[in-house]
């Protein structure tokens, strides 16, 4: 966990930047909070919060949030008529 232990480490900043680019739908603050929450939860559960595992879990959380939006709230796939 030392690589992510610091509040602002280069490793964590890089991880957050990658996820911000991948999930541009969310604000940078939302992505940062997600990464911090995932790291805290993993540590709390006694799991090793490596950069790779935190990134993977944060990506799953952000993907889940996107996919949980009801169809009526999603942007049309093929323009205004769908």
N, C-alpha and C. Protein backbone atom coordinates (compact mmCIF):
# COMPACT_ATOMS: atom_id res chain seq x y z
N UNK A 1 0.79 -1.19 0.00
CA UNK A 1 0.00 0.00 0.00
C UNK A 1 0.84 1.27 0.00
N UNK A 2 2.12 1.23 0.22
CA UNK A 2 2.91 2.45 0.29
C UNK A 2 2.79 3.33 -0.94
N UNK A 3 2.56 2.75 -2.10
CA UNK A 3 2.50 3.56 -3.31
C UNK A 3 1.30 4.49 -3.31
N UNK A 4 0.23 4.12 -2.63
CA UNK A 4 -0.97 4.94 -2.59
C UNK A 4 -1.19 5.58 -1.23
N UNK A 5 -0.31 5.32 -0.28
CA UNK A 5 -0.53 5.76 1.10
C UNK A 5 -0.57 7.27 1.25
N UNK A 6 0.27 7.98 0.51
CA UNK A 6 0.29 9.43 0.61
C UNK A 6 -1.00 10.03 0.06
N UNK A 7 -1.44 11.12 0.68
CA UNK A 7 -2.68 11.75 0.23
C UNK A 7 -2.58 12.11 -1.25
N UNK A 8 -1.46 12.65 -1.66
CA UNK A 8 -1.24 13.01 -3.06
C UNK A 8 0.09 12.43 -3.50
N UNK A 9 0.07 11.27 -4.08
CA UNK A 9 1.29 10.67 -4.60
C UNK A 9 1.25 10.71 -6.12
N UNK A 10 2.42 10.61 -6.74
CA UNK A 10 2.48 10.58 -8.20
C UNK A 10 1.70 9.40 -8.76
N UNK A 11 1.80 8.25 -8.08
CA UNK A 11 1.11 7.06 -8.55
C UNK A 11 -0.40 7.27 -8.51
N UNK A 12 -0.89 7.81 -7.41
CA UNK A 12 -2.33 8.03 -7.29
C UNK A 12 -2.79 9.10 -8.28
N UNK A 13 -2.00 10.15 -8.45
CA UNK A 13 -2.36 11.19 -9.42
C UNK A 13 -2.47 10.61 -10.83
N UNK A 14 -1.52 9.77 -11.20
CA UNK A 14 -1.54 9.15 -12.53
C UNK A 14 -2.76 8.24 -12.68
N UNK A 15 -3.07 7.49 -11.65
CA UNK A 15 -4.23 6.60 -11.66
C UNK A 15 -5.50 7.43 -11.84
N UNK A 16 -5.62 8.52 -11.09
CA UNK A 16 -6.80 9.37 -11.19
C UNK A 16 -6.92 10.01 -12.57
N UNK A 17 -5.79 10.43 -13.13
CA UNK A 17 -5.81 11.02 -14.47
C UNK A 17 -6.32 10.02 -15.50
N UNK A 18 -5.83 8.78 -15.43
CA UNK A 18 -6.28 7.76 -16.37
C UNK A 18 -7.79 7.55 -16.27
N UNK A 19 -8.28 7.46 -15.04
CA UNK A 19 -9.71 7.22 -14.85
C UNK A 19 -10.54 8.45 -15.25
N UNK A 20 -10.01 9.65 -15.02
CA UNK A 20 -10.71 10.87 -15.45
C UNK A 20 -10.86 10.90 -16.96
N UNK A 21 -9.81 10.49 -17.67
CA UNK A 21 -9.87 10.45 -19.13
C UNK A 21 -10.86 9.39 -19.61
N UNK A 22 -10.85 8.25 -18.95
CA UNK A 22 -11.73 7.15 -19.34
C UNK A 22 -13.19 7.44 -19.01
N UNK A 23 -13.42 8.13 -17.90
CA UNK A 23 -14.77 8.42 -17.44
C UNK A 23 -15.01 9.93 -17.43
N UNK A 24 -14.94 10.53 -18.60
CA UNK A 24 -15.10 11.99 -18.74
C UNK A 24 -16.50 12.45 -18.34
N UNK A 25 -17.44 11.52 -18.25
CA UNK A 25 -18.81 11.84 -17.83
C UNK A 25 -18.82 12.39 -16.40
N UNK A 26 -17.90 11.91 -15.58
CA UNK A 26 -17.84 12.31 -14.18
C UNK A 26 -16.87 13.47 -13.99
N UNK A 27 -17.12 14.26 -12.97
CA UNK A 27 -16.18 15.33 -12.62
C UNK A 27 -14.91 14.71 -12.05
N UNK A 28 -13.83 15.45 -12.12
CA UNK A 28 -12.56 14.96 -11.57
C UNK A 28 -12.70 14.72 -10.07
N UNK A 29 -13.48 15.54 -9.37
CA UNK A 29 -13.68 15.35 -7.93
C UNK A 29 -14.37 14.02 -7.64
N UNK A 30 -15.34 13.66 -8.46
CA UNK A 30 -16.04 12.39 -8.28
C UNK A 30 -15.08 11.22 -8.46
N UNK A 31 -14.25 11.28 -9.47
CA UNK A 31 -13.27 10.21 -9.71
C UNK A 31 -12.28 10.14 -8.55
N UNK A 32 -11.79 11.29 -8.09
CA UNK A 32 -10.85 11.31 -6.97
C UNK A 32 -11.47 10.72 -5.71
N UNK A 33 -12.73 11.07 -5.45
CA UNK A 33 -13.42 10.52 -4.28
C UNK A 33 -13.57 9.01 -4.40
N UNK A 34 -13.89 8.55 -5.59
CA UNK A 34 -14.05 7.11 -5.81
C UNK A 34 -12.74 6.38 -5.53
N UNK A 35 -11.63 6.90 -6.06
CA UNK A 35 -10.33 6.27 -5.84
C UNK A 35 -10.00 6.26 -4.34
N UNK A 36 -10.23 7.37 -3.66
CA UNK A 36 -9.96 7.44 -2.22
C UNK A 36 -10.84 6.48 -1.42
N UNK A 37 -12.11 6.40 -1.81
CA UNK A 37 -13.03 5.49 -1.12
C UNK A 37 -12.64 4.03 -1.32
N UNK A 38 -12.27 3.70 -2.54
CA UNK A 38 -11.86 2.32 -2.83
C UNK A 38 -10.62 1.96 -2.02
N UNK A 39 -9.66 2.86 -1.99
CA UNK A 39 -8.43 2.61 -1.23
C UNK A 39 -8.76 2.42 0.25
N UNK A 40 -9.60 3.29 0.80
CA UNK A 40 -9.96 3.19 2.22
C UNK A 40 -10.71 1.89 2.51
N UNK A 41 -11.64 1.52 1.63
CA UNK A 41 -12.41 0.28 1.84
C UNK A 41 -11.51 -0.94 1.79
N UNK A 42 -10.61 -0.98 0.82
CA UNK A 42 -9.71 -2.12 0.70
C UNK A 42 -8.83 -2.24 1.95
N UNK A 43 -8.31 -1.13 2.40
CA UNK A 43 -7.47 -1.14 3.61
C UNK A 43 -8.29 -1.58 4.82
N UNK A 44 -9.49 -1.06 4.93
CA UNK A 44 -10.37 -1.42 6.05
C UNK A 44 -10.66 -2.92 6.07
N UNK A 45 -10.81 -3.51 4.90
CA UNK A 45 -11.10 -4.94 4.81
C UNK A 45 -9.85 -5.81 4.92
N UNK A 46 -8.70 -5.17 5.04
CA UNK A 46 -7.46 -5.93 5.18
C UNK A 46 -6.90 -6.41 3.86
N UNK A 47 -7.37 -5.84 2.76
CA UNK A 47 -6.86 -6.21 1.45
C UNK A 47 -5.69 -5.31 1.09
N UNK A 48 -4.78 -5.82 0.29
CA UNK A 48 -3.64 -5.03 -0.14
C UNK A 48 -4.10 -4.04 -1.21
N UNK A 49 -4.02 -2.76 -0.90
CA UNK A 49 -4.49 -1.72 -1.82
C UNK A 49 -3.36 -1.31 -2.76
N UNK A 50 -3.02 -2.20 -3.68
CA UNK A 50 -1.99 -1.89 -4.67
C UNK A 50 -2.57 -0.94 -5.70
N UNK A 51 -1.74 -0.19 -6.39
CA UNK A 51 -2.27 0.71 -7.42
C UNK A 51 -3.14 -0.03 -8.45
N UNK A 52 -2.71 -1.21 -8.86
CA UNK A 52 -3.47 -1.97 -9.87
C UNK A 52 -4.83 -2.40 -9.33
N UNK A 53 -4.88 -2.87 -8.10
CA UNK A 53 -6.15 -3.33 -7.55
C UNK A 53 -7.10 -2.16 -7.27
N UNK A 54 -6.56 -1.04 -6.80
CA UNK A 54 -7.39 0.14 -6.56
C UNK A 54 -7.96 0.65 -7.89
N UNK A 55 -7.12 0.71 -8.92
CA UNK A 55 -7.59 1.17 -10.22
C UNK A 55 -8.67 0.26 -10.77
N UNK A 56 -8.45 -1.04 -10.68
CA UNK A 56 -9.43 -2.00 -11.19
C UNK A 56 -10.77 -1.87 -10.46
N UNK A 57 -10.73 -1.76 -9.13
CA UNK A 57 -11.96 -1.66 -8.35
C UNK A 57 -12.66 -0.32 -8.59
N UNK A 58 -11.90 0.77 -8.67
CA UNK A 58 -12.49 2.08 -8.94
C UNK A 58 -13.15 2.09 -10.32
N UNK A 59 -12.49 1.48 -11.29
CA UNK A 59 -13.05 1.39 -12.64
C UNK A 59 -14.38 0.62 -12.61
N UNK A 60 -14.44 -0.46 -11.84
CA UNK A 60 -15.68 -1.23 -11.72
C UNK A 60 -16.79 -0.40 -11.08
N UNK A 61 -16.44 0.38 -10.06
CA UNK A 61 -17.44 1.24 -9.40
C UNK A 61 -17.97 2.29 -10.37
N UNK A 62 -17.08 2.95 -11.08
CA UNK A 62 -17.50 4.00 -12.01
C UNK A 62 -18.33 3.42 -13.15
N UNK A 63 -17.93 2.26 -13.65
CA UNK A 63 -18.70 1.58 -14.70
C UNK A 63 -20.09 1.23 -14.18
N UNK A 64 -20.15 0.73 -12.96
CA UNK A 64 -21.44 0.39 -12.36
C UNK A 64 -22.36 1.58 -12.23
N UNK A 65 -21.79 2.72 -11.87
CA UNK A 65 -22.60 3.94 -11.76
C UNK A 65 -23.17 4.31 -13.12
N UNK A 66 -22.33 4.25 -14.15
CA UNK A 66 -22.80 4.57 -15.50
C UNK A 66 -23.91 3.63 -15.96
N UNK A 67 -23.72 2.35 -15.71
CA UNK A 67 -24.68 1.35 -16.20
C UNK A 67 -25.95 1.31 -15.36
N UNK A 68 -25.92 1.89 -14.16
CA UNK A 68 -27.11 1.84 -13.31
C UNK A 68 -28.10 2.95 -13.62
N UNK A 69 -27.71 3.87 -14.50
CA UNK A 69 -28.62 4.95 -14.89
C UNK A 69 -29.77 4.36 -15.70
N UNK A 70 -30.99 4.71 -15.35
CA UNK A 70 -32.13 4.15 -16.09
C UNK A 70 -32.11 4.59 -17.55
N UNK A 71 -32.63 3.77 -18.46
CA UNK A 71 -32.61 4.11 -19.88
C UNK A 71 -33.21 5.49 -20.18
N UNK A 72 -34.20 5.90 -19.41
CA UNK A 72 -34.83 7.20 -19.67
C UNK A 72 -33.87 8.36 -19.40
N UNK A 73 -32.82 8.13 -18.63
CA UNK A 73 -31.86 9.19 -18.33
C UNK A 73 -30.66 9.19 -19.23
N UNK A 74 -30.52 8.18 -20.08
CA UNK A 74 -29.37 8.08 -20.97
C UNK A 74 -29.57 8.90 -22.22
N UNK A 75 -28.44 9.32 -22.79
CA UNK A 75 -28.49 10.05 -24.06
C UNK A 75 -28.88 9.06 -25.16
N UNK A 76 -29.64 9.50 -26.13
CA UNK A 76 -30.03 8.61 -27.24
C UNK A 76 -28.80 8.10 -27.99
N UNK A 77 -28.85 6.84 -28.40
CA UNK A 77 -27.72 6.22 -29.07
C UNK A 77 -27.53 6.73 -30.49
N UNK A 78 -28.60 6.94 -31.22
CA UNK A 78 -28.47 7.30 -32.62
C UNK A 78 -29.04 8.66 -32.96
N UNK A 79 -28.97 9.58 -32.06
CA UNK A 79 -29.51 10.90 -32.33
C UNK A 79 -30.83 11.10 -31.60
N UNK A 80 -31.57 12.12 -31.96
CA UNK A 80 -32.79 12.46 -31.23
C UNK A 80 -33.88 11.38 -31.31
N UNK A 81 -33.92 10.62 -32.38
CA UNK A 81 -34.96 9.59 -32.51
C UNK A 81 -34.48 8.21 -32.13
N UNK A 82 -33.24 8.10 -31.61
CA UNK A 82 -32.72 6.82 -31.13
C UNK A 82 -32.05 6.09 -32.20
